[in-house]
Amino acid sequence: MSPAVIRKLDPADLDTCCDIYLRNEQEHFPEGHFEDFKEYLTLDSSLSLVTEVENRVIGVGGICLESADNTARHLSFGMIDPDH
């Protein structure tokens, strides 16, 4: 596999990230959460990242930036294009 680059999600990545979600949904996620996923990608309370291989986005993940005492962060989700 070629080296991967992890970077902050750019608004231009939204369609690709949504496609990755939809391609994973049937096997890995319950129905009815796609709109929540799309909204999550744009929230200031999270950091959305993408994984690129050969200049192509193949993965997306989110880190929650808010906690009750503002001292903890956690991975809220991660998924890869099923072709990878």
Protein backbone atom coordinates (compact mmCIF):
# COMPACT_ATOMS: atom_id res chain seq x y z
CA MET A 1 0.00 0.00 0.00
CA SER A 2 1.20 3.51 -0.77
CA PRO A 3 1.93 5.88 2.14
CA ALA A 4 -1.15 7.48 3.67
CA VAL A 5 -1.60 11.11 4.65
CA ILE A 6 -3.99 12.08 7.45
CA ARG A 7 -5.23 15.65 7.30
CA LYS A 8 -8.09 17.86 8.41
CA LEU A 9 -11.27 17.44 6.39
CA ASP A 10 -11.73 20.13 3.74
CA PRO A 11 -15.27 21.10 2.63
CA ALA A 12 -14.38 19.71 -0.81
CA ASP A 13 -14.08 16.24 0.84
CA LEU A 14 -17.69 16.12 2.07
CA ASP A 15 -19.15 14.27 -0.93
CA THR A 16 -16.42 11.62 -0.81
CA CYS A 17 -16.86 11.17 2.96
CA CYS A 18 -20.61 10.80 2.51
CA ASP A 19 -20.04 8.21 -0.20
CA ILE A 20 -17.71 6.26 2.12
CA TYR A 21 -20.40 6.32 4.83
CA LEU A 22 -23.15 5.15 2.47
CA ARG A 23 -20.96 2.35 1.13
CA ASN A 24 -20.35 1.14 4.70
CA GLU A 25 -23.86 1.75 6.05
CA GLN A 26 -25.63 -1.48 5.09
CA GLU A 27 -23.06 -3.76 6.69
CA HIS A 28 -21.81 -1.65 9.62
CA PHE A 29 -24.33 1.02 10.69
CA PRO A 30 -28.01 1.09 11.56
CA GLU A 31 -30.25 2.90 9.10
CA GLY A 32 -31.35 6.45 9.70
CA HIS A 33 -28.10 8.09 10.80
CA PHE A 34 -26.74 9.44 7.52
CA GLU A 35 -27.98 13.01 8.10
CA ASP A 36 -26.46 12.96 11.61
CA PHE A 37 -23.14 11.85 10.09
CA LYS A 38 -23.22 14.65 7.51
CA GLU A 39 -23.96 17.23 10.20
CA TYR A 40 -21.22 15.86 12.48
CA LEU A 41 -18.62 16.53 9.77
CA THR A 42 -19.32 20.26 10.05
CA LEU A 43 -19.53 20.69 13.86
CA ASP A 44 -17.04 22.87 15.71
CA SER A 45 -17.19 20.45 18.64
CA SER A 46 -15.36 17.81 16.61
CA LEU A 47 -12.29 17.49 14.44
CA SER A 48 -12.96 15.54 11.25
CA LEU A 49 -9.96 13.99 9.52
CA VAL A 50 -9.50 12.19 6.24
CA THR A 51 -6.97 9.63 5.11
CA GLU A 52 -5.55 10.07 1.60
CA VAL A 53 -3.63 7.56 -0.47
CA GLU A 54 -2.25 8.72 -3.80
CA ASN A 55 -4.26 11.98 -3.51
CA ARG A 56 -7.53 10.08 -3.07
CA VAL A 57 -9.60 10.19 0.13
CA ILE A 58 -10.10 6.61 1.32
CA GLY A 59 -11.04 7.14 4.96
CA VAL A 60 -12.74 9.52 7.36
CA GLY A 61 -12.76 9.80 11.13
CA GLY A 62 -13.79 12.13 13.89
CA ILE A 63 -12.34 13.20 17.21
CA CYS A 64 -14.73 14.65 19.78
CA LEU A 65 -13.25 17.86 21.17
CA GLU A 66 -15.72 18.44 24.00
CA SER A 67 -16.04 16.65 27.32
CA ALA A 68 -17.80 17.49 30.57
CA ASP A 69 -14.60 18.84 32.17
CA ASN A 70 -12.92 19.82 28.87
CA THR A 71 -9.91 17.59 29.58
CA ALA A 72 -10.65 14.51 27.46
CA ARG A 73 -10.80 13.82 23.74
CA HIS A 74 -11.90 10.60 22.08
CA LEU A 75 -12.26 8.98 18.68
CA SER A 76 -15.93 9.20 17.86
CA PHE A 77 -15.84 7.19 14.63
CA GLY A 78 -13.60 5.98 11.84
CA MET A 79 -14.26 4.26 8.54
CA ILE A 80 -12.43 3.28 5.39
CA ASP A 81 -13.65 2.94 1.81
CA PRO A 82 -14.73 -0.73 1.53
CA ASP A 83 -12.45 -1.14 -1.50
CA HIS A 84 -9.46 -0.62 0.81
